[in-house]
């Protein structure tokens, strides 16, 4: 889980940018972030990981900016949060699909990308399902911001070394999913 102090620092840094984009509807910023991620995916599919990483970082910035603009302008809504969460899942898929296309001729990296996709989805699913059961579930290291940073940093090392980052991504995401399942099990057991 990302410490609140770090989240607060990031919000402070984004405030001038949020003010700059305050005339743009937050949902539009969500879609812009998704389109930018799609461009990053194109470069990953071509094996130009460093450029994919830079573009993914910009897409991630828009993904954070939409929520900050919503708060700043009083446009926060349940639908906006829902839409953002759904588009995040599409973004996760698109970026990893680009990597899948690049690694497709290689068996082990291709399997790692598929496991990374699954890990990304199990993190969001366990949180959503836990919350539907009345348990707030934000535990574990594999939150989306951390995953994006891991992918961006790994991208600067190129496709060969990135495989190690991909393995770390798989371990962290799936480990977080399993940890969340156990955490919810304990919480629900304590309630009964």
N, C-alpha and C. Protein backbone atom coordinates (compact mmCIF):
# COMPACT_ATOMS: atom_id res chain seq x y z
N UNK A 1 0.85 -1.18 0.00
CA UNK A 1 0.00 0.00 0.00
C UNK A 1 0.89 1.24 0.00
N UNK A 2 0.51 2.25 -0.79
CA UNK A 2 1.28 3.48 -0.88
C UNK A 2 0.98 4.34 0.34
N UNK A 3 2.03 4.81 1.04
CA UNK A 3 1.80 5.62 2.24
C UNK A 3 1.02 6.90 1.93
N UNK A 4 0.16 7.30 2.86
CA UNK A 4 -0.66 8.51 2.69
C UNK A 4 0.22 9.75 2.51
N UNK A 5 1.37 9.78 3.20
CA UNK A 5 2.27 10.95 3.09
C UNK A 5 2.77 11.11 1.66
N UNK A 6 3.05 9.98 0.98
CA UNK A 6 3.51 10.05 -0.41
C UNK A 6 2.37 10.48 -1.32
N UNK A 7 1.15 9.96 -1.06
CA UNK A 7 -0.01 10.37 -1.86
C UNK A 7 -0.26 11.87 -1.72
N UNK A 8 -0.12 12.38 -0.50
CA UNK A 8 -0.32 13.81 -0.25
C UNK A 8 0.72 14.63 -1.00
N UNK A 9 1.97 14.18 -1.00
CA UNK A 9 3.04 14.88 -1.70
C UNK A 9 2.78 14.92 -3.20
N UNK A 10 2.33 13.80 -3.74
CA UNK A 10 2.02 13.73 -5.18
C UNK A 10 0.88 14.69 -5.51
N UNK A 11 -0.15 14.73 -4.65
CA UNK A 11 -1.29 15.65 -4.88
C UNK A 11 -0.82 17.11 -4.87
N UNK A 12 0.09 17.44 -3.96
CA UNK A 12 0.62 18.81 -3.90
C UNK A 12 1.37 19.15 -5.18
N UNK A 13 2.15 18.19 -5.69
CA UNK A 13 2.90 18.41 -6.92
C UNK A 13 1.98 18.55 -8.14
N UNK A 14 0.85 17.83 -8.11
CA UNK A 14 -0.08 17.84 -9.24
C UNK A 14 -1.05 19.03 -9.21
N UNK A 15 -1.12 19.73 -8.09
CA UNK A 15 -2.10 20.81 -7.97
C UNK A 15 -1.98 21.86 -9.07
N UNK A 16 -0.78 22.36 -9.39
CA UNK A 16 -0.69 23.35 -10.48
C UNK A 16 -1.18 22.79 -11.83
N UNK A 17 -0.87 21.53 -12.08
CA UNK A 17 -1.31 20.89 -13.32
C UNK A 17 -2.82 20.69 -13.32
N UNK A 18 -3.37 20.32 -12.16
CA UNK A 18 -4.82 20.15 -12.03
C UNK A 18 -5.53 21.49 -12.29
N UNK A 19 -4.95 22.57 -11.78
CA UNK A 19 -5.54 23.90 -12.02
C UNK A 19 -5.50 24.24 -13.51
N UNK A 20 -4.40 23.86 -14.17
CA UNK A 20 -4.25 24.12 -15.60
C UNK A 20 -5.34 23.38 -16.41
N UNK A 21 -5.67 22.18 -15.98
CA UNK A 21 -6.66 21.36 -16.70
C UNK A 21 -8.06 21.46 -16.09
N UNK A 22 -8.28 22.40 -15.22
CA UNK A 22 -9.56 22.48 -14.50
C UNK A 22 -10.76 22.74 -15.40
N UNK A 23 -10.55 23.24 -16.60
CA UNK A 23 -11.67 23.48 -17.53
C UNK A 23 -12.07 22.21 -18.28
N UNK A 24 -11.21 21.20 -18.22
CA UNK A 24 -11.46 19.95 -18.93
C UNK A 24 -12.22 19.01 -17.99
N UNK A 25 -13.26 18.36 -18.50
CA UNK A 25 -14.04 17.44 -17.67
C UNK A 25 -13.15 16.24 -17.27
N UNK A 26 -13.19 15.84 -16.00
CA UNK A 26 -12.35 14.73 -15.54
C UNK A 26 -12.54 13.44 -16.35
N UNK A 27 -13.76 13.15 -16.80
CA UNK A 27 -13.98 11.94 -17.60
C UNK A 27 -13.24 12.00 -18.93
N UNK A 28 -13.13 13.20 -19.48
CA UNK A 28 -12.37 13.36 -20.72
C UNK A 28 -10.88 13.11 -20.46
N UNK A 29 -10.39 13.56 -19.32
CA UNK A 29 -8.99 13.29 -18.95
C UNK A 29 -8.75 11.79 -18.80
N UNK A 30 -9.74 11.08 -18.29
CA UNK A 30 -9.65 9.62 -18.16
C UNK A 30 -9.45 8.99 -19.54
N UNK A 31 -10.25 9.43 -20.52
CA UNK A 31 -10.14 8.87 -21.87
C UNK A 31 -8.84 9.29 -22.55
N UNK A 32 -8.38 10.51 -22.31
CA UNK A 32 -7.09 10.95 -22.87
C UNK A 32 -5.97 10.07 -22.33
N UNK A 33 -6.00 9.79 -21.03
CA UNK A 33 -5.00 8.90 -20.44
C UNK A 33 -5.01 7.52 -21.09
N UNK A 34 -6.20 7.01 -21.35
CA UNK A 34 -6.33 5.71 -22.01
C UNK A 34 -5.74 5.74 -23.42
N UNK A 35 -6.04 6.79 -24.17
CA UNK A 35 -5.50 6.91 -25.53
C UNK A 35 -3.98 6.99 -25.53
N UNK A 36 -3.43 7.73 -24.57
CA UNK A 36 -1.97 7.84 -24.45
C UNK A 36 -1.37 6.47 -24.13
N UNK A 37 -2.03 5.71 -23.27
CA UNK A 37 -1.57 4.36 -22.95
C UNK A 37 -1.60 3.48 -24.19
N UNK A 38 -2.61 3.68 -25.03
CA UNK A 38 -2.68 2.93 -26.29
C UNK A 38 -1.48 3.22 -27.18
N UNK A 39 -1.04 4.46 -27.21
CA UNK A 39 0.15 4.83 -27.99
C UNK A 39 1.38 4.14 -27.40
N UNK A 40 1.47 4.13 -26.06
CA UNK A 40 2.59 3.44 -25.41
C UNK A 40 2.61 1.96 -25.79
N UNK A 41 1.43 1.35 -25.83
CA UNK A 41 1.32 -0.05 -26.18
C UNK A 41 1.88 -0.33 -27.58
N UNK A 42 1.62 0.60 -28.49
CA UNK A 42 2.15 0.48 -29.86
C UNK A 42 3.67 0.36 -29.84
N UNK A 43 4.33 1.18 -29.03
CA UNK A 43 5.80 1.13 -28.97
C UNK A 43 6.31 -0.11 -28.26
N UNK A 44 5.58 -0.57 -27.24
CA UNK A 44 5.96 -1.83 -26.61
C UNK A 44 5.88 -2.98 -27.62
N UNK A 45 4.82 -2.99 -28.42
CA UNK A 45 4.64 -4.05 -29.42
C UNK A 45 5.75 -4.04 -30.46
N UNK A 46 6.40 -2.89 -30.65
CA UNK A 46 7.50 -2.75 -31.60
C UNK A 46 8.86 -2.98 -30.95
N UNK A 47 8.87 -3.22 -29.63
CA UNK A 47 10.12 -3.46 -28.92
C UNK A 47 10.86 -2.20 -28.53
N UNK A 48 10.21 -1.03 -28.66
CA UNK A 48 10.84 0.25 -28.28
C UNK A 48 10.37 0.58 -26.87
N UNK A 49 10.87 -0.20 -25.92
CA UNK A 49 10.37 -0.13 -24.55
C UNK A 49 10.64 1.20 -23.88
N UNK A 50 11.79 1.81 -24.13
CA UNK A 50 12.11 3.07 -23.45
C UNK A 50 11.10 4.15 -23.81
N UNK A 51 10.70 4.19 -25.09
CA UNK A 51 9.72 5.19 -25.52
C UNK A 51 8.33 4.82 -25.00
N UNK A 52 8.02 3.54 -25.01
CA UNK A 52 6.77 3.09 -24.42
C UNK A 52 6.67 3.49 -22.96
N UNK A 53 7.79 3.38 -22.24
CA UNK A 53 7.82 3.75 -20.83
C UNK A 53 7.57 5.24 -20.60
N UNK A 54 8.18 6.08 -21.43
CA UNK A 54 7.97 7.53 -21.31
C UNK A 54 6.51 7.87 -21.56
N UNK A 55 5.94 7.29 -22.62
CA UNK A 55 4.55 7.57 -22.97
C UNK A 55 3.61 7.01 -21.90
N UNK A 56 3.93 5.83 -21.37
CA UNK A 56 3.13 5.24 -20.29
C UNK A 56 3.13 6.15 -19.06
N UNK A 57 4.26 6.76 -18.77
CA UNK A 57 4.36 7.68 -17.64
C UNK A 57 3.43 8.87 -17.84
N UNK A 58 3.36 9.40 -19.06
CA UNK A 58 2.45 10.51 -19.36
C UNK A 58 0.99 10.04 -19.22
N UNK A 59 0.69 8.85 -19.73
CA UNK A 59 -0.66 8.30 -19.58
C UNK A 59 -1.03 8.11 -18.12
N UNK A 60 -0.06 7.65 -17.32
CA UNK A 60 -0.28 7.49 -15.88
C UNK A 60 -0.53 8.82 -15.19
N UNK A 61 0.13 9.87 -15.69
CA UNK A 61 -0.07 11.21 -15.14
C UNK A 61 -1.52 11.64 -15.36
N UNK A 62 -2.05 11.40 -16.55
CA UNK A 62 -3.45 11.74 -16.83
C UNK A 62 -4.39 10.90 -15.98
N UNK A 63 -4.00 9.65 -15.73
CA UNK A 63 -4.83 8.77 -14.91
C UNK A 63 -4.94 9.30 -13.48
N UNK A 64 -3.89 9.93 -13.00
CA UNK A 64 -3.92 10.53 -11.67
C UNK A 64 -4.58 11.90 -11.71
N UNK A 65 -4.35 12.61 -12.79
CA UNK A 65 -4.85 13.98 -12.93
C UNK A 65 -6.37 14.05 -12.97
N UNK A 66 -7.02 13.04 -13.56
CA UNK A 66 -8.49 13.10 -13.66
C UNK A 66 -9.14 13.18 -12.29
N UNK A 67 -8.65 12.40 -11.35
CA UNK A 67 -9.20 12.44 -9.99
C UNK A 67 -8.91 13.74 -9.28
N UNK A 68 -7.70 14.27 -9.50
CA UNK A 68 -7.33 15.54 -8.86
C UNK A 68 -8.17 16.70 -9.41
N UNK A 69 -8.42 16.70 -10.72
CA UNK A 69 -9.26 17.74 -11.32
C UNK A 69 -10.69 17.61 -10.80
N UNK A 70 -11.17 16.37 -10.67
CA UNK A 70 -12.53 16.15 -10.14
C UNK A 70 -12.66 16.73 -8.73
N UNK A 71 -11.66 16.49 -7.88
CA UNK A 71 -11.69 17.02 -6.51
C UNK A 71 -11.61 18.54 -6.52
N UNK A 72 -10.70 19.07 -7.32
CA UNK A 72 -10.46 20.51 -7.36
C UNK A 72 -11.69 21.28 -7.84
N UNK A 73 -12.41 20.72 -8.80
CA UNK A 73 -13.55 21.42 -9.42
C UNK A 73 -14.90 21.01 -8.85
N UNK A 74 -14.90 20.10 -7.88
CA UNK A 74 -16.16 19.64 -7.30
C UNK A 74 -16.95 18.74 -8.24
N UNK A 75 -16.27 18.11 -9.18
CA UNK A 75 -16.95 17.22 -10.14
C UNK A 75 -16.80 15.75 -9.78
N UNK A 76 -16.46 15.46 -8.55
CA UNK A 76 -16.37 14.07 -8.13
C UNK A 76 -17.75 13.42 -8.22
N UNK A 77 -17.78 12.22 -8.73
CA UNK A 77 -19.05 11.51 -8.81
C UNK A 77 -18.80 10.02 -8.72
N UNK A 78 -19.81 9.29 -8.33
CA UNK A 78 -19.69 7.84 -8.26
C UNK A 78 -19.45 7.27 -9.65
N UNK A 79 -20.16 7.83 -10.65
CA UNK A 79 -19.96 7.33 -12.00
C UNK A 79 -18.54 7.62 -12.48
N UNK A 80 -18.01 8.80 -12.17
CA UNK A 80 -16.65 9.13 -12.56
C UNK A 80 -15.64 8.16 -11.98
N UNK A 81 -15.82 7.81 -10.71
CA UNK A 81 -14.93 6.84 -10.06
C UNK A 81 -15.07 5.46 -10.71
N UNK A 82 -16.32 5.09 -11.00
CA UNK A 82 -16.59 3.81 -11.67
C UNK A 82 -15.95 3.77 -13.05
N UNK A 83 -16.16 4.84 -13.83
CA UNK A 83 -15.59 4.93 -15.17
C UNK A 83 -14.07 4.85 -15.12
N UNK A 84 -13.47 5.59 -14.21
CA UNK A 84 -12.02 5.60 -14.07
C UNK A 84 -11.49 4.19 -13.78
N UNK A 85 -12.17 3.49 -12.90
CA UNK A 85 -11.76 2.14 -12.55
C UNK A 85 -11.87 1.19 -13.74
N UNK A 86 -12.94 1.32 -14.50
CA UNK A 86 -13.13 0.47 -15.69
C UNK A 86 -12.08 0.77 -16.75
N UNK A 87 -11.84 2.05 -17.01
CA UNK A 87 -10.84 2.43 -18.02
C UNK A 87 -9.45 1.99 -17.58
N UNK A 88 -9.19 2.01 -16.28
CA UNK A 88 -7.90 1.50 -15.77
C UNK A 88 -7.70 0.04 -16.16
N UNK A 89 -8.77 -0.76 -16.10
CA UNK A 89 -8.64 -2.17 -16.47
C UNK A 89 -8.33 -2.29 -17.97
N UNK A 90 -8.99 -1.48 -18.79
CA UNK A 90 -8.68 -1.48 -20.22
C UNK A 90 -7.23 -1.06 -20.46
N UNK A 91 -6.79 -0.04 -19.73
CA UNK A 91 -5.41 0.44 -19.87
C UNK A 91 -4.42 -0.64 -19.48
N UNK A 92 -4.70 -1.34 -18.38
CA UNK A 92 -3.83 -2.44 -17.96
C UNK A 92 -3.71 -3.47 -19.07
N UNK A 93 -4.85 -3.82 -19.66
CA UNK A 93 -4.84 -4.81 -20.73
C UNK A 93 -4.06 -4.31 -21.94
N UNK A 94 -4.35 -3.10 -22.37
CA UNK A 94 -3.73 -2.56 -23.59
C UNK A 94 -2.21 -2.54 -23.47
N UNK A 95 -1.72 -2.06 -22.34
CA UNK A 95 -0.27 -1.95 -22.18
C UNK A 95 0.38 -3.33 -22.16
N UNK A 96 -0.22 -4.26 -21.44
CA UNK A 96 0.35 -5.60 -21.37
C UNK A 96 0.17 -6.36 -22.69
N UNK A 97 -0.88 -6.03 -23.43
CA UNK A 97 -1.07 -6.66 -24.73
C UNK A 97 0.03 -6.25 -25.71
N UNK A 98 0.45 -4.99 -25.64
CA UNK A 98 1.58 -4.55 -26.47
C UNK A 98 2.83 -5.36 -26.16
N UNK A 99 3.08 -5.60 -24.88
CA UNK A 99 4.23 -6.42 -24.48
C UNK A 99 4.06 -7.86 -24.94
N UNK A 100 2.83 -8.36 -24.83
CA UNK A 100 2.53 -9.71 -25.29
C UNK A 100 2.89 -9.87 -26.76
N UNK A 101 2.51 -8.89 -27.58
CA UNK A 101 2.81 -8.96 -29.02
C UNK A 101 4.31 -8.99 -29.27
N UNK A 102 5.07 -8.22 -28.50
CA UNK A 102 6.53 -8.20 -28.68
C UNK A 102 7.14 -9.54 -28.29
N UNK A 103 6.72 -10.08 -27.17
CA UNK A 103 7.32 -11.29 -26.64
C UNK A 103 6.72 -12.57 -27.21
N UNK A 104 5.70 -12.48 -28.05
CA UNK A 104 4.98 -13.65 -28.54
C UNK A 104 5.87 -14.78 -29.07
N UNK A 105 6.95 -14.49 -29.78
CA UNK A 105 7.79 -15.61 -30.24
C UNK A 105 8.53 -16.35 -29.11
N UNK A 106 8.56 -15.76 -27.92
CA UNK A 106 9.29 -16.34 -26.80
C UNK A 106 8.30 -16.88 -25.76
N UNK A 107 8.41 -18.15 -25.44
CA UNK A 107 7.41 -18.80 -24.59
C UNK A 107 7.36 -18.23 -23.16
N UNK A 108 8.49 -18.19 -22.46
CA UNK A 108 8.49 -17.80 -21.04
C UNK A 108 8.03 -16.35 -20.86
N UNK A 109 8.58 -15.37 -21.60
CA UNK A 109 8.09 -13.99 -21.41
C UNK A 109 6.61 -13.84 -21.75
N UNK A 110 6.13 -14.60 -22.74
CA UNK A 110 4.71 -14.53 -23.11
C UNK A 110 3.84 -15.03 -21.95
N UNK A 111 4.27 -16.11 -21.33
CA UNK A 111 3.54 -16.64 -20.17
C UNK A 111 3.57 -15.62 -19.03
N UNK A 112 4.72 -14.97 -18.83
CA UNK A 112 4.83 -13.96 -17.77
C UNK A 112 3.87 -12.80 -18.02
N UNK A 113 3.74 -12.38 -19.27
CA UNK A 113 2.81 -11.28 -19.59
C UNK A 113 1.38 -11.70 -19.25
N UNK A 114 1.01 -12.93 -19.61
CA UNK A 114 -0.34 -13.41 -19.30
C UNK A 114 -0.56 -13.47 -17.79
N UNK A 115 0.43 -13.92 -17.04
CA UNK A 115 0.32 -13.95 -15.58
C UNK A 115 0.26 -12.54 -15.00
N UNK A 116 0.96 -11.60 -15.65
CA UNK A 116 0.91 -10.19 -15.22
C UNK A 116 -0.49 -9.63 -15.45
N UNK A 117 -1.11 -9.97 -16.58
CA UNK A 117 -2.49 -9.53 -16.84
C UNK A 117 -3.41 -10.05 -15.75
N UNK A 118 -3.29 -11.35 -15.48
CA UNK A 118 -4.14 -11.95 -14.46
C UNK A 118 -3.91 -11.28 -13.10
N UNK A 119 -2.65 -11.06 -12.76
CA UNK A 119 -2.33 -10.42 -11.48
C UNK A 119 -2.93 -9.04 -11.36
N UNK A 120 -2.88 -8.28 -12.45
CA UNK A 120 -3.46 -6.93 -12.44
C UNK A 120 -4.96 -6.99 -12.17
N UNK A 121 -5.62 -7.96 -12.79
CA UNK A 121 -7.07 -8.05 -12.62
C UNK A 121 -7.47 -8.60 -11.26
N UNK A 122 -6.68 -9.53 -10.72
CA UNK A 122 -7.05 -10.10 -9.43
C UNK A 122 -6.92 -9.06 -8.32
N UNK A 123 -5.99 -8.12 -8.47
CA UNK A 123 -5.85 -7.06 -7.47
C UNK A 123 -7.12 -6.22 -7.42
N UNK A 124 -7.59 -5.77 -8.57
CA UNK A 124 -8.79 -4.93 -8.58
C UNK A 124 -10.04 -5.74 -8.23
N UNK A 125 -10.08 -7.01 -8.65
CA UNK A 125 -11.25 -7.83 -8.34
C UNK A 125 -11.35 -8.09 -6.84
N UNK A 126 -10.24 -8.44 -6.21
CA UNK A 126 -10.29 -8.73 -4.78
C UNK A 126 -10.73 -7.50 -3.99
N UNK A 127 -10.27 -6.34 -4.41
CA UNK A 127 -10.69 -5.12 -3.71
C UNK A 127 -12.19 -4.87 -3.90
N UNK A 128 -12.65 -4.95 -5.15
CA UNK A 128 -14.07 -4.70 -5.43
C UNK A 128 -14.96 -5.71 -4.72
N UNK A 129 -14.57 -6.97 -4.76
CA UNK A 129 -15.39 -8.01 -4.14
C UNK A 129 -15.39 -7.87 -2.62
N UNK A 130 -14.23 -7.54 -2.05
CA UNK A 130 -14.14 -7.34 -0.60
C UNK A 130 -15.03 -6.17 -0.17
N UNK A 131 -15.00 -5.09 -0.95
CA UNK A 131 -15.82 -3.92 -0.61
C UNK A 131 -17.31 -4.24 -0.72
N UNK A 132 -17.67 -5.14 -1.64
CA UNK A 132 -19.08 -5.54 -1.74
C UNK A 132 -19.51 -6.35 -0.51
N UNK A 133 -18.53 -6.91 0.20
CA UNK A 133 -18.80 -7.67 1.42
C UNK A 133 -18.63 -6.82 2.69
N UNK A 134 -18.35 -5.54 2.48
CA UNK A 134 -18.22 -4.63 3.61
C UNK A 134 -16.83 -4.49 4.18
N UNK A 135 -15.82 -4.96 3.45
CA UNK A 135 -14.42 -4.85 3.91
C UNK A 135 -13.66 -3.91 2.97
N UNK A 136 -13.13 -2.83 3.52
CA UNK A 136 -12.27 -1.98 2.70
C UNK A 136 -10.94 -2.70 2.54
N UNK A 137 -10.52 -2.91 1.30
CA UNK A 137 -9.36 -3.77 1.04
C UNK A 137 -8.34 -3.05 0.16
N UNK A 138 -7.50 -2.25 0.79
CA UNK A 138 -6.45 -1.53 0.06
C UNK A 138 -5.06 -2.02 0.49
N UNK A 139 -4.99 -3.24 0.97
CA UNK A 139 -3.73 -3.77 1.48
C UNK A 139 -2.89 -4.33 0.34
N UNK A 140 -1.61 -4.47 0.60
CA UNK A 140 -0.70 -5.05 -0.38
C UNK A 140 0.05 -4.00 -1.18
N UNK A 141 1.12 -4.46 -1.80
CA UNK A 141 2.03 -3.57 -2.51
C UNK A 141 1.61 -3.28 -3.94
N UNK A 142 0.78 -4.11 -4.53
CA UNK A 142 0.53 -4.06 -5.96
C UNK A 142 -0.49 -3.07 -6.47
N UNK A 143 -0.71 -1.95 -5.80
CA UNK A 143 -1.67 -0.96 -6.29
C UNK A 143 -1.23 -0.45 -7.67
N UNK A 144 -2.16 0.11 -8.40
CA UNK A 144 -1.91 0.49 -9.79
C UNK A 144 -0.75 1.46 -9.96
N UNK A 145 -0.65 2.46 -9.10
CA UNK A 145 0.44 3.43 -9.22
C UNK A 145 1.80 2.73 -9.12
N UNK A 146 1.91 1.80 -8.20
CA UNK A 146 3.16 1.05 -8.04
C UNK A 146 3.45 0.22 -9.29
N UNK A 147 2.41 -0.41 -9.84
CA UNK A 147 2.58 -1.24 -11.03
C UNK A 147 3.06 -0.41 -12.22
N UNK A 148 2.48 0.77 -12.38
CA UNK A 148 2.88 1.64 -13.50
C UNK A 148 4.34 2.06 -13.34
N UNK A 149 4.71 2.46 -12.12
CA UNK A 149 6.10 2.87 -11.87
C UNK A 149 7.05 1.71 -12.17
N UNK A 150 6.69 0.52 -11.75
CA UNK A 150 7.53 -0.66 -12.00
C UNK A 150 7.71 -0.90 -13.50
N UNK A 151 6.61 -0.79 -14.25
CA UNK A 151 6.69 -0.98 -15.71
C UNK A 151 7.52 0.12 -16.36
N UNK A 152 7.32 1.36 -15.94
CA UNK A 152 8.06 2.48 -16.53
C UNK A 152 9.55 2.33 -16.26
N UNK A 153 9.92 2.08 -15.01
CA UNK A 153 11.35 1.94 -14.67
C UNK A 153 11.96 0.78 -15.45
N UNK A 154 11.29 -0.36 -15.47
CA UNK A 154 11.80 -1.51 -16.20
C UNK A 154 11.97 -1.26 -17.69
N UNK A 155 11.12 -0.41 -18.24
CA UNK A 155 11.15 -0.12 -19.68
C UNK A 155 12.47 0.51 -20.12
N UNK A 156 13.10 1.26 -19.25
CA UNK A 156 14.34 1.93 -19.61
C UNK A 156 15.53 0.97 -19.72
N UNK A 157 15.34 -0.27 -19.31
CA UNK A 157 16.41 -1.26 -19.40
C UNK A 157 16.32 -2.10 -20.67
N UNK A 158 15.25 -1.89 -21.45
CA UNK A 158 15.10 -2.62 -22.70
C UNK A 158 14.39 -3.96 -22.52
N UNK A 159 13.96 -4.55 -23.64
CA UNK A 159 13.13 -5.77 -23.59
C UNK A 159 13.78 -6.97 -22.90
N UNK A 160 15.10 -7.14 -23.02
CA UNK A 160 15.73 -8.32 -22.43
C UNK A 160 15.73 -8.24 -20.90
N UNK A 161 16.20 -7.14 -20.35
CA UNK A 161 16.25 -6.98 -18.89
C UNK A 161 14.85 -6.78 -18.33
N UNK A 162 13.95 -6.24 -19.15
CA UNK A 162 12.57 -6.02 -18.70
C UNK A 162 11.92 -7.32 -18.25
N UNK A 163 12.35 -8.44 -18.79
CA UNK A 163 11.78 -9.74 -18.41
C UNK A 163 11.89 -9.94 -16.89
N UNK A 164 13.00 -9.50 -16.30
CA UNK A 164 13.16 -9.57 -14.85
C UNK A 164 12.13 -8.71 -14.12
N UNK A 165 11.88 -7.52 -14.65
CA UNK A 165 10.86 -6.64 -14.07
C UNK A 165 9.47 -7.26 -14.22
N UNK A 166 9.27 -7.93 -15.34
CA UNK A 166 8.00 -8.61 -15.59
C UNK A 166 7.78 -9.73 -14.57
N UNK A 167 8.84 -10.49 -14.28
CA UNK A 167 8.75 -11.54 -13.27
C UNK A 167 8.42 -10.93 -11.90
N UNK A 168 9.07 -9.82 -11.56
CA UNK A 168 8.79 -9.13 -10.30
C UNK A 168 7.33 -8.65 -10.27
N UNK A 169 6.86 -8.12 -11.40
CA UNK A 169 5.47 -7.66 -11.54
C UNK A 169 4.51 -8.81 -11.26
N UNK A 170 4.79 -9.98 -11.83
CA UNK A 170 3.93 -11.16 -11.64
C UNK A 170 3.90 -11.56 -10.17
N UNK A 171 5.07 -11.58 -9.54
CA UNK A 171 5.14 -11.98 -8.13
C UNK A 171 4.38 -10.99 -7.25
N UNK A 172 4.59 -9.69 -7.49
CA UNK A 172 3.95 -8.66 -6.65
C UNK A 172 2.44 -8.65 -6.85
N UNK A 173 1.98 -8.70 -8.10
CA UNK A 173 0.53 -8.61 -8.33
C UNK A 173 -0.20 -9.84 -7.82
N UNK A 174 0.30 -11.00 -8.17
CA UNK A 174 -0.37 -12.22 -7.73
C UNK A 174 -0.20 -12.43 -6.23
N UNK A 175 0.95 -12.04 -5.71
CA UNK A 175 1.16 -12.09 -4.26
C UNK A 175 0.20 -11.18 -3.53
N UNK A 176 -0.02 -9.98 -4.07
CA UNK A 176 -0.98 -9.05 -3.47
C UNK A 176 -2.39 -9.62 -3.52
N UNK A 177 -2.75 -10.25 -4.64
CA UNK A 177 -4.07 -10.87 -4.76
C UNK A 177 -4.29 -11.94 -3.71
N UNK A 178 -3.29 -12.81 -3.54
CA UNK A 178 -3.40 -13.88 -2.53
C UNK A 178 -3.44 -13.27 -1.13
N UNK A 179 -2.60 -12.27 -0.88
CA UNK A 179 -2.58 -11.62 0.42
C UNK A 179 -3.94 -11.00 0.73
N UNK A 180 -4.56 -10.36 -0.26
CA UNK A 180 -5.88 -9.76 -0.06
C UNK A 180 -6.94 -10.81 0.24
N UNK A 181 -6.85 -11.95 -0.43
CA UNK A 181 -7.82 -13.02 -0.14
C UNK A 181 -7.70 -13.47 1.31
N UNK A 182 -6.48 -13.67 1.76
CA UNK A 182 -6.26 -14.09 3.15
C UNK A 182 -6.68 -13.00 4.13
N UNK A 183 -6.39 -11.76 3.78
CA UNK A 183 -6.74 -10.62 4.64
C UNK A 183 -8.26 -10.53 4.80
N UNK A 184 -8.99 -10.65 3.70
CA UNK A 184 -10.46 -10.60 3.76
C UNK A 184 -11.00 -11.80 4.54
N UNK A 185 -10.43 -12.97 4.33
CA UNK A 185 -10.85 -14.15 5.06
C UNK A 185 -10.73 -13.91 6.57
N UNK A 186 -9.59 -13.36 7.00
CA UNK A 186 -9.40 -13.07 8.43
C UNK A 186 -10.39 -12.03 8.93
N UNK A 187 -10.59 -10.97 8.13
CA UNK A 187 -11.54 -9.91 8.54
C UNK A 187 -12.95 -10.46 8.69
N UNK A 188 -13.38 -11.24 7.73
CA UNK A 188 -14.74 -11.80 7.78
C UNK A 188 -14.88 -12.82 8.90
N UNK A 189 -13.82 -13.56 9.16
CA UNK A 189 -13.84 -14.54 10.24
C UNK A 189 -13.96 -13.84 11.59
N UNK A 190 -13.30 -12.68 11.72
CA UNK A 190 -13.37 -11.92 12.97
C UNK A 190 -14.78 -11.34 13.19
N UNK A 191 -15.48 -11.02 12.10
CA UNK A 191 -16.83 -10.45 12.20
C UNK A 191 -17.87 -11.49 12.60
N UNK A 192 -17.60 -12.76 12.23
CA UNK A 192 -18.62 -13.79 12.50
C UNK A 192 -18.48 -14.41 13.88
